[in-house]
Amino acid sequence: MQSDTTGSLQEFHKILEEAGKKGASDIHYVPKEQLLLRIDGRLVDMTEEWNVSFSMEELIEKLLDKKQQKTFEENGEVEFSCPVFNKRVRVNLFRQSGTCAMSVRLFAEKIPTPQMLGLPESAVQMAGKRRGLILVTGASGSGRTTTMASMIDHIASNYERSILTLEKPAEYLFRSGKSMVLQREIGIDSRSYEAGLKAALKQDMDVILISEMEDLDTVSLALTAAEMGHLVIAALPTRNAVASIERVVECFPDHRQHQIRSQLSDVLAGVISQQLLPRLDGGGRVAAFEVLLANQEIKSLIKEQKYFQIPSVMRSCRKEGMVSMDDAVYDLYMKSMIDSDTAVCYAQDGVGMRQKVQLF
């Protein structure tokens, strides 16, 4: 794909446009070697078809400010989000094998609504809470950033709240709506998640979003913020609700874990875990959402460290809006949105799922 316009930035924008038309979520580029798109979770090689030849040096000069260029020179890598004409992207530049490579995440121009994502109503209702901790979890590329953005946009559109996001980097841009939404980018607007959270506790914020709880100090402050009456929405790279609870508790040394279980059981509003599955019709991917609501029984199990009993409670409380991951996957199968092989592949209990899908 030779660009009709001149300049590396214009050619880069053309690539973004073409990748967007193909439904790509990511672009991977190694100059003069490979250009790959990730489409519906699969890597597609576009190297020969597009014949890209823009200058990475020129692109770096156009995209990076002086501070980012210094970071790249000193560390050999830098991550940032930026607009490229009318497209907003997250760019990760890094050195490898004596050259510079690039990974780019593409974002939708409009933040999708919870209904567009298929987010269960019980999860949407969680966003309306005044206080508590909501964990949004899933592996890298599972869509948790988009889910969190959708929840913040829903709050801003429907409630009068003061909202602060702490992100690294800031990916979606929010409209205030009925709320006031302030966005702080870690490394630019605030030194760290810890510093940003400490400041947030003195800034009269109703809702605080944390794009990644990456260390003990951040987790501890998130719990404290929820305990003080804020609604905290935070991401974890864990695969389900039980693993998320265990991760929070196990961040802390053994002698503190009893107290942390008690604190977590008091402030936890719920856990939303997700993964993206290939659709049966080939039209992209569909999200499967696990939803844990922290009712009194769940809170007691957390406090008593009886995590193994949580899945059975979730199944028995489905009428309350709780959904296990395997139930979510099975529902997609029964709606003919995914095939049986996909259901078995993405289930947490593959053997049990195979037995269920063989019945229909």
Protein backbone atom coordinates (compact mmCIF):
# COMPACT_ATOMS: atom_id res chain seq x y z
CA MET A 1 0.00 0.00 0.00
CA GLN A 2 1.86 3.06 -1.26
CA SER A 3 0.55 6.32 0.17
CA ASP A 4 -0.57 9.03 -2.23
CA THR A 5 0.41 11.68 0.28
CA THR A 6 3.91 12.60 1.31
CA GLY A 7 5.47 12.30 4.73
CA SER A 8 5.69 9.54 7.29
CA LEU A 9 2.84 10.88 9.43
CA GLN A 10 0.44 10.88 6.49
CA GLU A 11 1.44 7.36 5.51
CA PHE A 12 1.06 6.23 9.12
CA HIS A 13 -2.43 7.76 9.19
CA LYS A 14 -3.29 5.90 5.98
CA ILE A 15 -2.23 2.64 7.63
CA LEU A 16 -4.44 3.43 10.63
CA GLU A 17 -7.40 4.05 8.33
CA GLU A 18 -6.90 0.83 6.37
CA ALA A 19 -6.32 -1.19 9.55
CA GLY A 20 -9.52 0.26 10.99
CA LYS A 21 -11.49 -0.74 7.89
CA LYS A 22 -10.26 -4.32 8.35
CA GLY A 23 -11.35 -4.35 11.99
CA ALA A 24 -7.82 -4.56 13.39
CA SER A 25 -7.25 -3.94 17.08
CA ASP A 26 -3.44 -3.70 16.84
CA ILE A 27 -0.67 -2.98 14.35
CA HIS A 28 2.85 -4.43 14.69
CA TYR A 29 5.57 -2.92 12.53
CA VAL A 30 9.27 -3.71 12.14
CA PRO A 31 10.78 -1.36 9.51
CA LYS A 32 11.72 -3.04 6.23
CA GLU A 33 10.73 -6.45 7.63
CA GLN A 34 7.12 -6.96 8.69
CA LEU A 35 3.78 -5.27 9.18
CA LEU A 36 1.15 -7.37 10.95
CA LEU A 37 -2.43 -6.65 11.95
CA ARG A 38 -4.25 -8.34 14.80
CA ILE A 39 -7.77 -9.01 13.58
CA ASP A 40 -10.22 -10.89 15.82
CA GLY A 41 -7.28 -12.14 17.88
CA ARG A 42 -5.31 -13.49 14.88
CA LEU A 43 -2.18 -12.00 13.32
CA VAL A 44 -2.49 -11.20 9.61
CA ASP A 45 0.65 -10.39 7.58
CA MET A 46 0.17 -7.30 5.38
CA THR A 47 3.87 -6.74 4.63
CA GLU A 48 3.84 -7.50 0.89
CA GLU A 49 0.33 -6.22 0.18
CA TRP A 50 0.86 -2.78 1.71
CA ASN A 51 4.60 -2.28 0.93
CA VAL A 52 5.09 0.22 3.77
CA SER A 53 8.24 2.32 3.66
CA PHE A 54 7.84 5.33 5.94
CA SER A 55 10.74 6.59 8.06
CA MET A 56 10.50 5.64 11.71
CA GLU A 57 12.93 8.42 12.59
CA GLU A 58 10.67 11.02 10.98
CA LEU A 59 7.58 9.51 12.60
CA ILE A 60 9.23 9.56 16.04
CA GLU A 61 10.11 13.22 15.54
CA LYS A 62 6.49 14.02 14.61
CA LEU A 63 4.74 11.97 17.32
CA LEU A 64 6.98 12.30 20.38
CA ASP A 65 7.51 15.41 22.44
CA LYS A 66 10.97 16.17 23.82
CA LYS A 67 10.33 14.40 27.13
CA GLN A 68 9.13 11.25 25.36
CA GLN A 69 12.09 11.33 22.98
CA LYS A 70 14.45 11.54 25.97
CA THR A 71 12.68 8.60 27.64
CA PHE A 72 13.02 6.58 24.44
CA GLU A 73 16.71 7.42 24.09
CA GLU A 74 17.47 6.57 27.74
CA ASN A 75 15.26 3.48 28.19
CA GLY A 76 14.98 2.06 24.69
CA GLU A 77 11.18 2.11 24.93
CA VAL A 78 8.31 4.51 25.43
CA GLU A 79 4.53 4.20 25.54
CA PHE A 80 2.05 6.99 24.96
CA SER A 81 -1.38 7.73 23.52
CA CYS A 82 -1.99 10.46 20.97
CA PRO A 83 -4.30 11.64 18.21
CA VAL A 84 -3.17 11.06 14.63
CA PHE A 85 -5.47 13.30 12.61
CA ASN A 86 -8.92 11.99 13.66
CA LYS A 87 -7.66 8.65 15.06
CA ARG A 88 -6.69 8.09 18.70
CA VAL A 89 -4.09 5.40 19.29
CA ARG A 90 -1.78 3.98 21.93
CA VAL A 91 1.78 3.62 20.64
CA ASN A 92 4.56 1.50 22.11
CA LEU A 93 7.96 2.17 20.55
CA PHE A 94 10.92 -0.03 21.43
CA ARG A 95 14.36 -0.95 20.19
CA GLN A 96 15.08 -4.49 19.05
CA SER A 97 17.97 -6.06 17.11
CA GLY A 98 19.53 -2.70 16.38
CA THR A 99 16.37 -1.11 14.99
CA CYS A 100 13.12 0.41 16.23
CA ALA A 101 9.84 -1.53 16.26
CA MET A 102 6.32 -0.32 16.98
CA SER A 103 3.09 -1.73 18.37
CA VAL A 104 -0.07 0.36 18.01
CA ARG A 105 -3.46 -0.17 19.67
CA LEU A 106 -6.41 1.37 17.81
CA PHE A 107 -9.38 2.79 19.70
CA ALA A 108 -12.94 3.32 18.57
CA GLU A 109 -13.77 6.93 17.78
CA LYS A 110 -16.79 6.72 20.10
CA ILE A 111 -16.88 4.99 23.46
CA PRO A 112 -19.30 2.04 23.16
CA THR A 113 -22.25 1.88 25.53
CA PRO A 114 -22.50 -1.02 28.01
CA GLN A 115 -25.37 -2.38 25.90
CA MET A 116 -23.20 -2.36 22.76
CA LEU A 117 -20.57 -4.40 24.63
CA GLY A 118 -23.14 -6.85 25.95
CA LEU A 119 -22.30 -5.96 29.55
CA PRO A 120 -24.87 -7.61 31.88
CA GLU A 121 -27.36 -5.25 33.50
CA SER A 122 -26.13 -6.27 36.97
CA ALA A 123 -22.67 -4.95 36.04
CA VAL A 124 -24.13 -1.71 34.67
CA GLN A 125 -26.04 -1.19 37.92
CA MET A 126 -22.79 -1.56 39.86
CA ALA A 127 -21.53 1.60 38.14
CA GLY A 128 -24.34 3.55 39.80
CA LYS A 129 -23.12 2.76 43.32
CA ARG A 130 -21.94 5.61 45.52
CA ARG A 131 -19.05 3.74 47.11
CA GLY A 132 -17.09 0.53 46.93
CA LEU A 133 -14.48 -1.23 44.83
CA ILE A 134 -15.28 -2.64 41.39
CA LEU A 135 -12.59 -4.83 39.84
CA VAL A 136 -12.55 -5.18 36.05
CA THR A 137 -10.33 -8.07 35.08
CA GLY A 138 -9.09 -10.07 32.13
CA ALA A 139 -5.96 -10.87 30.17
CA SER A 140 -4.21 -8.32 27.96
CA GLY A 141 -6.34 -7.72 24.87
CA SER A 142 -9.55 -8.92 26.55
CA GLY A 143 -11.22 -5.52 26.27
CA ARG A 144 -11.18 -4.50 29.93
CA THR A 145 -9.99 -0.95 29.09
CA THR A 146 -13.01 -0.50 26.80
CA THR A 147 -15.34 -1.89 29.47
CA MET A 148 -13.99 0.54 32.06
CA ALA A 149 -14.30 3.43 29.59
CA SER A 150 -17.89 2.42 28.87
CA MET A 151 -18.69 2.37 32.59
CA ILE A 152 -17.14 5.81 33.15
CA ASP A 153 -19.02 7.21 30.14
CA HIS A 154 -22.25 5.68 31.50
CA ILE A 155 -21.70 7.28 34.91
CA ALA A 156 -20.85 10.66 33.35
CA SER A 157 -23.97 10.57 31.17
CA ASN A 158 -26.43 9.49 33.88
CA TYR A 159 -25.20 10.69 37.27
CA GLU A 160 -23.91 13.89 38.85
CA ARG A 161 -20.46 12.81 39.93
CA SER A 162 -16.93 14.17 40.13
CA ILE A 163 -14.80 11.58 38.29
CA LEU A 164 -11.03 11.21 38.15
CA THR A 165 -9.18 8.72 35.95
CA LEU A 166 -5.58 7.67 36.57
CA GLU A 167 -4.26 6.07 33.38
CA LYS A 168 -0.96 4.98 31.85
CA PRO A 169 -1.42 6.11 29.15
CA ALA A 170 -4.77 7.92 28.78
CA GLU A 171 -6.56 6.05 26.00
CA TYR A 172 -10.16 7.19 25.57
CA LEU A 173 -11.15 10.84 25.94
CA PHE A 174 -14.28 11.34 28.06
CA ARG A 175 -17.09 13.88 27.79
CA SER A 176 -18.33 15.33 31.07
CA GLY A 177 -22.10 15.00 30.50
CA LYS A 178 -23.84 15.35 33.86
CA SER A 179 -20.53 14.76 35.62
CA MET A 180 -17.14 16.40 35.74
CA VAL A 181 -14.49 14.06 34.30
CA LEU A 182 -10.80 14.78 34.89
CA GLN A 183 -8.09 12.60 33.32
CA ARG A 184 -4.56 12.32 34.69
CA GLU A 185 -1.89 10.44 32.79
CA ILE A 186 0.73 8.72 34.91
CA GLY A 187 4.20 9.99 34.07
CA ILE A 188 2.85 13.25 32.65
CA ASP A 189 0.16 14.66 34.96
CA SER A 190 1.14 12.62 38.01
CA ARG A 191 4.36 10.90 39.00
CA SER A 192 2.76 7.54 39.84
CA TYR A 193 -0.52 5.80 40.63
CA GLU A 194 0.37 6.09 44.31
CA ALA A 195 0.91 9.86 44.09
CA GLY A 196 -2.23 10.34 41.99
CA LEU A 197 -4.35 8.33 44.44
CA LYS A 198 -3.02 10.18 47.48
CA ALA A 199 -3.92 13.46 45.81
CA ALA A 200 -7.34 12.17 44.74
CA LEU A 201 -8.29 11.50 48.36
CA LYS A 202 -8.07 15.27 48.95
CA GLN A 203 -9.76 16.38 45.71
CA ASP A 204 -13.42 15.65 46.51
CA MET A 205 -13.76 12.91 43.90
CA ASP A 206 -16.80 10.63 43.84
CA VAL A 207 -15.42 8.12 41.33
CA ILE A 208 -11.78 7.13 40.79
CA LEU A 209 -10.66 4.93 37.90
CA ILE A 210 -7.29 3.15 38.12
CA SER A 211 -6.22 1.69 34.78
CA GLU A 212 -3.91 -0.86 36.42
CA MET A 213 -3.33 -1.85 40.05
CA GLU A 214 0.30 -2.73 39.55
CA ASP A 215 1.79 -2.80 43.07
CA LEU A 216 1.00 -3.15 46.77
CA ASP A 217 0.87 0.60 47.43
CA THR A 218 -1.68 1.16 44.66
CA VAL A 219 -3.86 -1.74 45.88
CA SER A 220 -3.67 -0.49 49.46
CA LEU A 221 -4.67 3.05 48.49
CA ALA A 222 -7.49 1.76 46.29
CA LEU A 223 -8.93 -0.14 49.26
CA THR A 224 -8.54 2.93 51.47
CA ALA A 225 -10.25 5.15 48.90
CA ALA A 226 -13.21 2.76 48.69
CA GLU A 227 -13.32 2.57 52.48
CA MET A 228 -13.45 6.39 52.66
CA GLY A 229 -16.60 6.46 50.52
CA HIS A 230 -15.34 6.72 46.95
CA LEU A 231 -16.39 4.43 44.11
CA VAL A 232 -13.14 2.94 42.80
CA ILE A 233 -13.06 1.13 39.46
CA ALA A 234 -9.75 -0.67 38.98
CA ALA A 235 -8.24 -3.14 36.51
CA LEU A 236 -6.39 -6.36 37.24
CA PRO A 237 -4.86 -8.84 34.74
CA THR A 238 -6.60 -11.81 36.37
CA ARG A 239 -8.81 -14.37 34.63
CA ASN A 240 -11.80 -14.65 36.99
CA ALA A 241 -13.40 -13.30 40.15
CA VAL A 242 -11.80 -15.76 42.57
CA ALA A 243 -8.31 -15.19 41.12
CA SER A 244 -8.89 -11.43 41.40
CA ILE A 245 -9.78 -11.65 45.09
CA GLU A 246 -6.78 -13.87 45.75
CA ARG A 247 -4.48 -11.45 43.86
CA VAL A 248 -5.60 -8.48 45.96
CA VAL A 249 -5.11 -10.34 49.26
CA GLU A 250 -1.82 -11.96 48.26
CA CYS A 251 -0.29 -8.59 47.36
CA PHE A 252 0.18 -8.13 51.08
CA PRO A 253 2.56 -9.91 53.49
CA ASP A 254 1.13 -12.85 55.42
CA HIS A 255 0.74 -10.97 58.70
CA ARG A 256 -1.57 -8.40 57.03
CA GLN A 257 -3.74 -10.72 54.96
CA HIS A 258 -6.38 -11.34 57.66
CA GLN A 259 -6.94 -7.58 57.99
CA ILE A 260 -6.96 -7.12 54.19
CA ARG A 261 -9.60 -9.86 53.76
CA SER A 262 -11.77 -8.05 56.27
CA GLN A 263 -11.22 -4.70 54.52
CA LEU A 264 -11.84 -6.16 51.06
CA SER A 265 -15.01 -7.92 52.17
CA ASP A 266 -16.30 -4.61 53.50
CA VAL A 267 -15.57 -2.46 50.41
CA LEU A 268 -15.91 -4.86 47.47
CA ALA A 269 -18.92 -4.05 45.28
CA GLY A 270 -18.20 -6.67 42.64
CA VAL A 271 -15.88 -8.17 40.05
CA ILE A 272 -16.36 -8.13 36.27
CA SER A 273 -14.10 -10.60 34.44
CA GLN A 274 -14.08 -10.91 30.67
CA GLN A 275 -12.62 -12.55 27.61
CA LEU A 276 -13.20 -12.07 23.88
CA LEU A 277 -14.35 -15.05 21.77
CA PRO A 278 -14.45 -15.40 17.96
CA ARG A 279 -18.00 -15.12 16.65
CA LEU A 280 -19.59 -18.01 14.77
CA ASP A 281 -20.55 -15.74 11.86
CA GLY A 282 -16.97 -14.51 11.45
CA GLY A 283 -18.02 -10.95 12.24
CA GLY A 284 -15.40 -10.16 14.85
CA ARG A 285 -15.41 -11.17 18.49
CA VAL A 286 -17.97 -11.22 21.27
CA ALA A 287 -17.33 -10.68 24.98
CA ALA A 288 -18.15 -13.19 27.68
CA PHE A 289 -18.60 -11.49 31.07
CA GLU A 290 -18.37 -13.09 34.49
CA VAL A 291 -20.07 -11.00 37.18
CA LEU A 292 -19.62 -11.43 40.92
CA LEU A 293 -21.76 -9.27 43.19
CA ALA A 294 -20.48 -8.91 46.74
CA ASN A 295 -23.56 -9.92 48.69
CA GLN A 296 -23.41 -10.88 52.35
CA GLU A 297 -22.60 -14.53 51.62
CA ILE A 298 -19.71 -13.60 49.30
CA LYS A 299 -18.37 -11.11 51.84
CA SER A 300 -18.37 -13.79 54.55
CA LEU A 301 -16.50 -16.24 52.30
CA ILE A 302 -13.83 -13.62 51.55
CA LYS A 303 -13.41 -12.80 55.23
CA GLU A 304 -13.15 -16.51 56.12
CA GLN A 305 -10.79 -17.25 53.18
CA LYS A 306 -13.21 -19.83 51.75
CA TYR A 307 -12.62 -18.77 48.15
CA PHE A 308 -13.33 -22.28 46.81
CA GLN A 309 -17.00 -21.88 47.75
CA ILE A 310 -17.47 -18.65 45.75
CA PRO A 311 -18.22 -20.30 42.35
CA SER A 312 -21.09 -22.36 43.79
CA VAL A 313 -22.57 -19.26 45.46
CA MET A 314 -22.36 -17.41 42.13
CA ARG A 315 -24.28 -20.19 40.39
CA SER A 316 -26.95 -20.27 43.09
CA CYS A 317 -27.36 -16.47 42.98
CA ARG A 318 -27.86 -16.12 39.26
CA LYS A 319 -31.26 -14.48 39.83
CA GLU A 320 -29.41 -11.67 41.65
CA GLY A 321 -27.37 -11.00 38.52
CA MET A 322 -24.29 -13.12 39.19
CA VAL A 323 -22.85 -14.95 36.17
CA SER A 324 -19.99 -17.45 36.15
CA MET A 325 -17.62 -17.37 33.18
CA ASP A 326 -18.68 -20.81 31.98
CA ASP A 327 -22.35 -19.83 32.18
CA ALA A 328 -21.56 -16.70 30.16
CA VAL A 329 -19.73 -18.77 27.53
CA TYR A 330 -22.54 -21.34 27.43
CA ASP A 331 -25.15 -18.60 26.99
CA LEU A 332 -23.22 -17.33 23.94
CA TYR A 333 -23.20 -20.88 22.55
CA MET A 334 -26.95 -21.31 23.10
CA LYS A 335 -27.55 -18.00 21.31
CA SER A 336 -25.56 -19.37 18.33
CA MET A 337 -22.98 -16.60 18.70
CA ILE A 338 -20.06 -19.04 19.09
CA ASP A 339 -19.53 -22.66 18.05
CA SER A 340 -19.05 -25.68 20.32
CA ASP A 341 -15.26 -25.83 19.85
CA THR A 342 -14.95 -22.19 20.90
CA ALA A 343 -17.16 -22.80 23.94
CA VAL A 344 -14.96 -25.70 25.08
CA CYS A 345 -11.72 -23.83 24.32
CA TYR A 346 -12.66 -20.74 26.35
CA ALA A 347 -14.41 -22.52 29.24
CA GLN A 348 -12.68 -22.77 32.58
CA ASP A 349 -14.05 -26.30 32.93
CA GLY A 350 -13.47 -27.64 29.43
CA VAL A 351 -14.62 -31.17 30.25
CA GLY A 352 -17.88 -29.96 31.76
CA MET A 353 -18.49 -27.60 28.86
CA ARG A 354 -17.93 -30.38 26.31
CA GLN A 355 -20.55 -32.50 28.04
CA LYS A 356 -23.04 -29.60 27.99
CA VAL A 357 -22.59 -28.61 24.34
CA GLN A 358 -22.92 -32.27 23.23
CA LEU A 359 -26.50 -32.20 24.52
CA PHE A 360 -27.51 -29.64 21.86
